[in-house]
Protein backbone atom coordinates (compact mmCIF):
# COMPACT_ATOMS: atom_id res chain seq x y z
CA UNK A 1 19.53 75.31 36.50
CA UNK A 2 21.01 72.35 38.37
CA UNK A 3 17.63 70.74 38.82
CA UNK A 4 16.67 71.21 35.18
CA UNK A 5 19.89 69.64 33.88
CA UNK A 6 20.00 66.81 36.42
CA UNK A 7 16.31 66.00 36.00
CA UNK A 8 16.60 66.01 32.21
CA UNK A 9 19.69 63.80 32.35
CA UNK A 10 17.91 61.32 34.63
CA UNK A 11 14.93 61.12 32.28
CA UNK A 12 16.84 60.68 29.01
CA UNK A 13 19.33 58.24 30.57
CA UNK A 14 16.52 55.92 31.71
CA UNK A 15 14.53 56.25 28.49
CA UNK A 16 17.66 55.87 26.37
CA UNK A 17 18.45 52.60 28.14
CA UNK A 18 14.95 51.32 27.34
CA UNK A 19 15.46 52.14 23.66
CA UNK A 20 18.78 50.25 23.56
CA UNK A 21 18.09 47.35 25.93
CA UNK A 22 17.03 44.93 23.17
CA UNK A 23 20.66 44.88 22.00
CA UNK A 24 21.46 43.00 25.25
CA UNK A 25 18.72 40.42 24.70
CA UNK A 26 15.99 42.15 26.70
CA UNK A 27 12.49 42.29 25.21
CA UNK A 28 11.45 45.37 23.27
CA UNK A 29 9.38 47.62 25.52
CA UNK A 30 7.46 50.58 24.19
CA UNK A 31 6.19 52.84 26.99
CA UNK A 32 5.34 55.72 24.63
CA UNK A 33 3.47 53.46 22.21
CA UNK A 34 1.69 51.84 25.17
CA UNK A 35 0.39 55.25 26.26
CA UNK A 36 -0.77 55.92 22.68
CA UNK A 37 -2.84 52.72 22.85
CA UNK A 38 -4.42 54.10 26.03
CA UNK A 39 -5.95 56.86 23.86
CA UNK A 40 -7.66 54.35 21.56
CA UNK A 41 -7.63 50.60 20.94
CA UNK A 42 -6.61 50.99 17.28
CA UNK A 43 -4.06 53.79 17.77
CA UNK A 44 -0.51 53.39 16.53
CA UNK A 45 2.64 54.86 18.02
CA UNK A 46 2.81 58.63 17.61
CA UNK A 47 3.84 61.90 19.26
CA UNK A 48 0.96 61.88 21.77
CA UNK A 49 2.41 58.87 23.58
CA UNK A 50 5.83 60.50 23.80
CA UNK A 51 4.31 63.70 25.19
CA UNK A 52 2.50 61.73 27.91
CA UNK A 53 5.61 59.71 28.72
CA UNK A 54 7.90 62.74 29.00
CA UNK A 55 5.36 64.61 31.11
CA UNK A 56 5.10 61.64 33.48
CA UNK A 57 8.88 61.31 33.76
CA UNK A 58 9.24 65.06 34.33
CA UNK A 59 6.59 64.91 37.07
CA UNK A 60 8.50 62.16 38.88
CA UNK A 61 11.74 64.14 38.64
CA UNK A 62 10.00 67.28 39.92
CA UNK A 63 8.48 65.36 42.85
CA UNK A 64 11.93 64.20 43.83
CA UNK A 65 13.40 67.72 43.80
CA UNK A 66 10.46 69.25 45.66
CA UNK A 67 9.76 66.54 48.24
CA UNK A 68 12.65 64.10 48.65
CA UNK A 69 15.86 66.07 48.08
CA UNK A 70 15.23 68.84 50.69
CA UNK A 71 14.52 66.23 53.39
CA UNK A 72 17.34 63.71 52.79
CA UNK A 73 21.11 63.46 52.49
CA UNK A 74 23.46 61.08 50.70
CA UNK A 75 22.94 58.84 47.68
CA UNK A 76 20.67 56.23 49.25
CA UNK A 77 17.46 58.27 49.16
CA UNK A 78 17.48 59.12 45.41
CA UNK A 79 18.32 55.54 44.44
CA UNK A 80 15.56 54.32 46.76
CA UNK A 81 13.29 56.85 45.03
CA UNK A 82 14.15 55.26 41.67
CA UNK A 83 13.36 51.82 43.10
CA UNK A 84 10.05 53.14 44.41
CA UNK A 85 9.25 54.60 40.99
CA UNK A 86 9.89 51.16 39.48
CA UNK A 87 7.47 49.54 41.92
CA UNK A 88 4.86 52.27 41.42
CA UNK A 89 5.01 52.19 37.64
CA UNK A 90 5.11 48.40 37.29
CA UNK A 91 2.68 47.35 40.02
CA UNK A 92 0.22 50.26 40.00
CA UNK A 93 0.42 52.47 36.92
CA UNK A 94 0.78 49.69 34.33
CA UNK A 95 -2.35 47.82 35.47
CA UNK A 96 -4.28 51.12 35.58
CA UNK A 97 -3.16 51.95 32.03
CA UNK A 98 -4.20 48.44 31.01
CA UNK A 99 -7.69 49.03 32.41
CA UNK A 100 -7.93 52.34 30.54
CA UNK A 101 -6.80 50.62 27.35
CA UNK A 102 -9.72 48.22 27.65
CA UNK A 103 -10.06 45.06 25.61
CA UNK A 104 -7.17 44.52 23.17
CA UNK A 105 -7.93 45.01 19.49
CA UNK A 106 -8.74 41.98 17.37
CA UNK A 107 -5.62 40.08 16.36
CA UNK A 108 -3.47 41.60 19.11
CA UNK A 109 -0.66 39.28 20.22
CA UNK A 110 -0.44 38.40 23.95
CA UNK A 111 3.15 39.70 24.02
CA UNK A 112 2.34 43.02 22.36
CA UNK A 113 4.57 45.69 24.01
CA UNK A 114 1.73 48.21 23.57
CA UNK A 115 -0.51 46.21 25.94
CA UNK A 116 0.03 47.39 29.52
CA UNK A 117 0.18 44.65 32.17
CA UNK A 118 1.60 44.10 35.66
CA UNK A 119 5.34 44.83 35.28
CA UNK A 120 4.85 44.03 31.55
CA UNK A 121 5.20 40.35 32.41
CA UNK A 122 3.39 39.49 29.17
CA UNK A 123 6.83 40.14 27.62
CA UNK A 124 8.56 37.85 30.11
CA UNK A 125 10.52 38.55 33.31
CA UNK A 126 13.23 40.31 31.34
CA UNK A 127 10.91 43.29 30.89
CA UNK A 128 10.76 43.87 34.66
CA UNK A 129 14.57 43.60 34.93
CA UNK A 130 15.03 46.00 32.01
CA UNK A 131 12.70 48.50 33.67
CA UNK A 132 14.50 48.09 37.00
CA UNK A 133 17.83 49.00 35.35
CA UNK A 134 16.21 52.09 33.82
CA UNK A 135 14.85 53.31 37.14
CA UNK A 136 18.11 52.60 38.98
CA UNK A 137 19.91 54.73 36.38
CA UNK A 138 17.26 57.39 36.96
CA UNK A 139 17.92 57.34 40.70
CA UNK A 140 21.70 57.23 40.29
CA UNK A 141 21.73 60.39 38.15
CA UNK A 142 19.55 62.15 40.75
CA UNK A 143 21.95 61.01 43.46
CA UNK A 144 24.96 62.34 41.61
CA UNK A 145 23.24 65.65 40.97
CA UNK A 146 22.75 66.55 44.62
CA UNK A 147 26.04 68.41 44.97
CA UNK A 148 26.72 69.55 41.41
CA UNK A 149 27.64 73.16 40.85
CA UNK A 150 25.95 74.09 37.55
CA UNK A 151 27.01 77.53 36.42
CA UNK A 152 25.08 79.50 33.78
CA UNK A 153 27.78 78.87 31.20
CA UNK A 154 27.55 75.09 31.71
CA UNK A 155 23.75 75.26 31.57
CA UNK A 156 23.59 77.11 28.27
CA UNK A 157 26.38 75.11 26.66
CA UNK A 158 24.69 71.87 27.70
CA UNK A 159 21.37 73.07 26.29
CA UNK A 160 22.98 73.97 22.97
CA UNK A 161 24.74 70.61 22.81
CA UNK A 162 21.45 68.80 23.45
CA UNK A 163 19.68 70.68 20.65
CA UNK A 164 22.52 69.87 18.26
CA UNK A 165 22.56 66.21 19.33
CA UNK A 166 18.80 65.91 18.83
CA UNK A 167 19.06 67.42 15.34
CA UNK A 168 21.84 64.99 14.42
CA UNK A 169 19.93 62.00 15.82
CA UNK A 170 16.82 62.89 13.82
CA UNK A 171 18.92 63.48 10.69
CA UNK A 172 20.87 60.19 10.75
CA UNK A 173 18.05 58.03 9.28
CA UNK A 174 17.48 60.65 6.58
CA UNK A 175 21.19 60.76 5.75
CA UNK A 176 21.21 56.96 5.62
CA UNK A 177 18.48 56.92 2.97
CA UNK A 178 19.83 56.53 -0.55
CA UNK A 179 19.08 59.48 -2.81
CA UNK A 180 19.59 57.61 -6.08
CA UNK A 181 17.08 54.81 -5.59
CA UNK A 182 15.71 53.10 -8.70
CA UNK A 183 14.71 49.58 -7.80
CA UNK A 184 12.23 47.21 -9.51
CA UNK A 185 11.56 43.82 -7.92
CA UNK A 186 8.98 41.25 -8.96
CA UNK A 187 7.45 38.20 -7.34
CA UNK A 188 4.95 35.62 -8.54
CA UNK A 189 1.60 34.99 -6.89
CA UNK A 190 -0.14 31.68 -7.66
CA UNK A 191 -3.40 33.37 -6.68
CA UNK A 192 -4.66 36.42 -4.84
CA UNK A 193 -6.31 36.10 -1.42
CA UNK A 194 -9.94 35.05 -1.60
CA UNK A 195 -12.54 37.83 -1.91
CA UNK A 196 -11.92 41.57 -2.25
CA UNK A 197 -8.26 42.57 -1.84
CA UNK A 198 -6.25 45.73 -1.26
CA UNK A 199 -2.59 46.75 -1.35
CA UNK A 200 -1.03 47.33 2.05
CA UNK A 201 2.14 49.36 2.75
CA UNK A 202 3.26 49.01 6.37
CA UNK A 203 6.27 50.72 7.96
CA UNK A 204 7.83 48.42 10.56
CA UNK A 205 11.02 49.90 12.08
CA UNK A 206 12.87 47.98 14.78
CA UNK A 207 15.36 49.08 17.46
CA UNK A 208 18.79 47.46 17.51
CA UNK A 209 18.56 43.84 18.62
CA UNK A 210 14.82 43.54 18.08
CA UNK A 211 13.56 40.31 16.53
CA UNK A 212 10.16 39.70 14.97
CA UNK A 213 10.23 35.94 15.38
CA UNK A 214 9.83 33.27 12.71
CA UNK A 215 6.39 33.49 11.14
CA UNK A 216 4.48 33.08 7.90
CA UNK A 217 2.03 35.36 6.11
CA UNK A 218 0.95 36.59 2.70
CA UNK A 219 3.46 37.04 -0.10
CA UNK A 220 5.03 40.46 -0.35
CA UNK A 221 8.10 42.66 -0.41
CA UNK A 222 10.42 43.81 2.34
CA UNK A 223 11.72 47.24 1.28
CA UNK A 224 14.45 48.84 3.38
CA UNK A 225 15.01 52.61 3.36
CA UNK A 226 17.56 53.12 6.17
CA UNK A 227 19.56 50.86 8.44
CA UNK A 228 19.70 47.14 7.66
CA UNK A 229 16.78 44.71 7.87
CA UNK A 230 18.17 41.21 8.40
CA UNK A 231 15.97 38.24 7.52
CA UNK A 232 16.42 34.50 8.00
CA UNK A 233 14.33 33.09 5.14
CA UNK A 234 13.54 29.39 4.85
CA UNK A 235 15.35 28.00 1.82
CA UNK A 236 17.43 31.18 1.33
CA UNK A 237 19.42 31.52 4.54
CA UNK A 238 20.18 34.91 6.08
CA UNK A 239 19.60 37.95 3.89
CA UNK A 240 20.63 41.52 4.74
CA UNK A 241 18.32 44.05 3.09
CA UNK A 242 20.11 47.39 2.98
CA UNK A 243 18.92 50.89 2.12
CA UNK A 244 17.24 50.95 -1.30
CA UNK A 245 17.05 47.14 -1.52
CA UNK A 246 13.96 44.96 -1.60
CA UNK A 247 13.35 41.22 -1.34
CA UNK A 248 10.23 39.18 -2.15
CA UNK A 249 8.94 36.50 0.22
CA UNK A 250 6.57 33.89 -1.18
CA UNK A 251 3.20 33.07 0.33
CA UNK A 252 3.58 31.35 3.72
CA UNK A 253 7.38 31.29 3.40
CA UNK A 254 8.80 31.11 6.91
CA UNK A 255 11.11 33.98 7.86
CA UNK A 256 11.95 36.48 10.59
CA UNK A 257 12.97 40.15 10.81
CA UNK A 258 15.89 41.51 12.87
CA UNK A 259 17.86 44.69 13.36
CA UNK A 260 21.12 42.84 13.84
CA UNK A 261 23.59 45.18 12.17
CA UNK A 262 23.11 48.04 14.68
CA UNK A 263 23.62 45.87 17.80
CA UNK A 264 27.35 46.68 18.31
CA UNK A 265 26.72 50.43 18.09
CA UNK A 266 23.77 50.13 20.49
CA UNK A 267 25.89 48.21 23.01
CA UNK A 268 28.60 50.88 22.84
CA UNK A 269 26.06 53.69 23.30
CA UNK A 270 24.35 51.96 26.23
CA UNK A 271 27.75 51.18 27.77
CA UNK A 272 28.72 54.84 27.59
CA UNK A 273 25.47 55.81 29.32
CA UNK A 274 26.19 53.41 32.18
CA UNK A 275 29.87 54.38 32.45
CA UNK A 276 29.08 58.10 32.54
CA UNK A 277 26.38 57.52 35.16
CA UNK A 278 28.82 55.59 37.36
CA UNK A 279 31.47 58.28 36.82
CA UNK A 280 28.96 60.95 37.76
CA UNK A 281 28.06 59.17 41.00
CA UNK A 282 31.70 58.48 41.85
CA UNK A 283 32.63 62.13 41.31
CA UNK A 284 29.51 63.71 42.79
CA UNK A 285 31.51 65.27 45.62
CA UNK A 286 33.51 67.30 43.10
CA UNK A 287 32.12 70.65 42.11
CA UNK A 288 33.30 70.09 38.53
CA UNK A 289 31.30 66.89 38.03
CA UNK A 290 28.98 68.89 35.76
CA UNK A 291 31.46 68.27 32.94
CA UNK A 292 30.33 64.62 33.05
CA UNK A 293 26.66 65.58 33.17
CA UNK A 294 26.72 67.36 29.80
CA UNK A 295 27.93 64.37 27.72
CA UNK A 296 25.56 62.09 29.63
CA UNK A 297 22.69 64.39 28.73
CA UNK A 298 23.74 64.47 25.06
CA UNK A 299 24.16 60.69 24.77
CA UNK A 300 20.85 60.14 26.60
CA UNK A 301 19.03 62.36 24.11
CA UNK A 302 20.59 60.50 21.18
CA UNK A 303 19.67 57.12 22.70
CA UNK A 304 16.10 58.24 23.42
CA UNK A 305 15.59 59.39 19.82
CA UNK A 306 17.34 56.16 18.75
CA UNK A 307 18.77 56.75 15.27
CA UNK A 308 19.95 53.11 15.30
CA UNK A 309 16.46 51.87 14.45
CA UNK A 310 16.17 50.45 10.95
CA UNK A 311 13.28 51.57 8.74
CA UNK A 312 11.68 49.07 6.42
CA UNK A 313 8.32 48.46 4.82
CA UNK A 314 6.30 45.35 4.13
CA UNK A 315 4.24 45.65 0.97
CA UNK A 316 1.67 43.07 -0.06
CA UNK A 317 -1.83 42.27 -1.27
CA UNK A 318 -4.16 41.47 1.61
CA UNK A 319 -7.80 40.37 1.92
CA UNK A 320 -10.23 43.21 2.63
CA UNK A 321 -10.85 41.78 6.12
CA UNK A 322 -7.27 42.79 7.06
CA UNK A 323 -7.95 46.54 6.79
CA UNK A 324 -6.76 48.23 9.99
CA UNK A 325 -4.89 45.19 11.31
CA UNK A 326 -2.79 45.59 14.47
CA UNK A 327 0.90 46.33 13.87
CA UNK A 328 3.30 43.48 14.77
CA UNK A 329 5.93 45.97 16.07
CA UNK A 330 5.19 48.90 18.41
CA UNK A 331 6.75 51.60 16.21
CA UNK A 332 4.94 50.39 13.07
CA UNK A 333 2.15 52.13 11.26
CA UNK A 334 -0.03 51.77 8.21
CA UNK A 335 1.63 54.10 5.73
CA UNK A 336 -1.08 53.41 3.15
CA UNK A 337 -3.94 51.00 2.60
CA UNK A 338 -5.42 51.16 -0.88
CA UNK A 339 -9.08 51.00 -1.74
CA UNK A 340 -10.37 47.54 -2.53
CA UNK A 341 -9.09 46.75 -6.01
CA UNK A 342 -11.56 46.51 -8.89
CA UNK A 343 -11.37 44.66 -12.21
CA UNK A 344 -9.10 42.00 -10.71
CA UNK A 345 -9.61 38.62 -12.36
CA UNK A 346 -8.78 35.24 -10.85
CA UNK A 347 -5.55 33.48 -11.71
CA UNK A 348 -1.81 33.93 -11.20
CA UNK A 349 -0.26 37.39 -10.98
CA UNK A 350 3.15 38.99 -10.92
CA UNK A 351 3.48 41.53 -8.14
CA UNK A 352 5.86 44.35 -9.12
CA UNK A 353 7.37 46.85 -6.70
CA UNK A 354 9.05 50.01 -8.01
CA UNK A 355 11.00 52.14 -5.52
CA UNK A 356 12.17 55.31 -7.18
CA UNK A 357 13.12 58.92 -6.66
CA UNK A 358 11.63 61.24 -9.26
CA UNK A 359 13.49 64.44 -10.06
CA UNK A 360 11.45 67.64 -10.17
CA UNK A 361 9.17 67.46 -13.21
CA UNK A 362 10.04 63.82 -13.93
CA UNK A 363 7.10 61.47 -14.47
CA UNK A 364 6.32 57.77 -14.41
CA UNK A 365 3.44 56.11 -16.28
CA UNK A 366 1.77 52.95 -15.02
CA UNK A 367 -1.35 50.85 -15.31
CA UNK A 368 -3.64 49.44 -12.65
CA UNK A 369 -4.55 47.66 -10.56
CA UNK A 370 -1.88 49.45 -8.55
CA UNK A 371 -1.12 51.68 -5.57
CA UNK A 372 1.16 54.72 -5.42
CA UNK A 373 2.69 55.78 -2.09
CA UNK A 374 4.75 58.93 -1.51
CA UNK A 375 7.49 58.55 1.11
CA UNK A 376 8.75 62.13 0.81
CA UNK A 377 8.17 65.12 -1.46
CA UNK A 378 5.05 65.98 -3.45
CA UNK A 379 3.63 64.43 -6.61
CA UNK A 380 0.61 64.78 -8.84
CA UNK A 381 -1.27 61.71 -10.04
CA UNK A 382 -3.26 62.07 -13.27
CA UNK A 383 -5.84 59.44 -14.19
CA UNK A 384 -7.93 60.31 -17.23
CA UNK A 385 -9.05 63.92 -16.78
CA UNK A 386 -8.51 63.90 -12.99
CA UNK A 387 -5.33 65.13 -11.30
CA UNK A 388 -4.74 64.63 -7.57
CA UNK A 389 -1.92 65.99 -5.43
CA UNK A 390 -0.17 63.69 -2.96
CA UNK A 391 2.29 64.52 -0.17
CA UNK A 392 4.54 62.45 2.05
CA UNK A 393 2.92 59.46 3.79
CA UNK A 394 -0.09 59.48 1.47
CA UNK A 395 -1.11 57.38 -1.52
CA UNK A 396 -3.54 56.73 -4.33
CA UNK A 397 -5.27 53.66 -5.76
CA UNK A 398 -5.30 52.97 -9.51
CA UNK A 399 -8.19 50.76 -10.59
CA UNK A 400 -7.68 47.76 -12.84
CA UNK A 401 -7.45 48.77 -16.49
CA UNK A 402 -6.81 52.45 -15.69
CA UNK A 403 -3.70 54.36 -16.76
CA UNK A 404 -2.01 56.89 -14.50
CA UNK A 405 0.91 59.32 -14.65
CA UNK A 406 2.88 60.25 -11.54
CA UNK A 407 4.86 63.50 -11.71
CA UNK A 408 7.13 65.08 -9.08
CA UNK A 409 6.28 68.68 -8.26
CA UNK A 410 8.12 71.25 -6.11
CA UNK A 411 11.38 69.28 -6.05
CA UNK A 412 12.19 65.60 -6.07
CA UNK A 413 9.96 62.93 -4.56
CA UNK A 414 10.54 59.37 -3.36
CA UNK A 415 7.74 56.97 -4.27
CA UNK A 416 6.76 53.32 -4.03
CA UNK A 417 4.55 51.86 -6.76
CA UNK A 418 2.95 48.40 -6.42
CA UNK A 419 1.33 46.83 -9.49
CA UNK A 420 -0.51 43.57 -10.10
CA UNK A 421 0.27 42.18 -13.55
CA UNK A 422 -1.80 39.18 -14.77
CA UNK A 423 0.39 36.33 -15.94
CA UNK A 424 -0.32 35.28 -19.49
């Protein structure tokens, strides 16, 4: 029981630090997303990467308990073990993962956190320092756990607290999503991209402190669903896009994306992790030090799940050649890419975004060219004599000139509708 709790605390403390480190100015690292990329050049972040990462961390913790702890005494050996794990992962495992990943996908940025390199130096030297802190925390928790007396009652209470903390951490973004959304935002397009086009809906969440630097791209909407997406937009200053809000950026308008609002909370959470780790090491000689281990384990789980990430979407009309483009943030994914739009004439357009929650049985009628994306719930889409069911994280394309009706079924549903309206 002691080894299970101490090993778990060491793992989530180190991983939690990595999730929060950007709040201190360190680069965003994404070890789980990096392992996902190892499974395929075009893969996005998903559960497979987290499974591989947790298995690897658990294996390192188990190796310590089986090999190092029985043969050593004091706190030096476990901390040295953490330092050795840093050297092994950065100098050996990362380059091997990079070789398995193979050639980067087309359009991949040199500083992509999903691309494995020697000590992740493609992100700058701060990445190696950030990783070193994580592994030193890992070793420090192992050191403090050498003499803990973990009784069954403490074990089961800690396990229950962890389950509750994980449930709360997963629920926070859902709770932060507005339930009464009904937002319509429009933006003008002088012209569509050349050639065939499609409507792209990308989810691009960022951890606290993360910055997607100043850049330009196609016109489109930033739609925030939880947390706050802060943007510095040329000609508009700094704009905070909160839950349920959307803002339109013109074609090639320079701007950035930040999760600035959650930085203070992330600093407090990371500070508590470090303080509890130090307290655990300082009190390791006391048999009751397990009372510090339980809150450390709970806070580490919360930090690893990272409910402080914001969740926002970028919605725009892209050229057909951009299908399957690489995500600019490691946690991003293509929520929906429409079919290539038909019956789209040349000339200026108004791009209209509707973000709405439909009550059970409520419907919305629209005309194409358009795309419908379901964020949660279930809907039916009727076009002519054809009715199609859609569930969360799926969508449908409405051809130009076609009429469609979207209806919520089996409860309410949250949808995003993007339409292209020719300007008269």
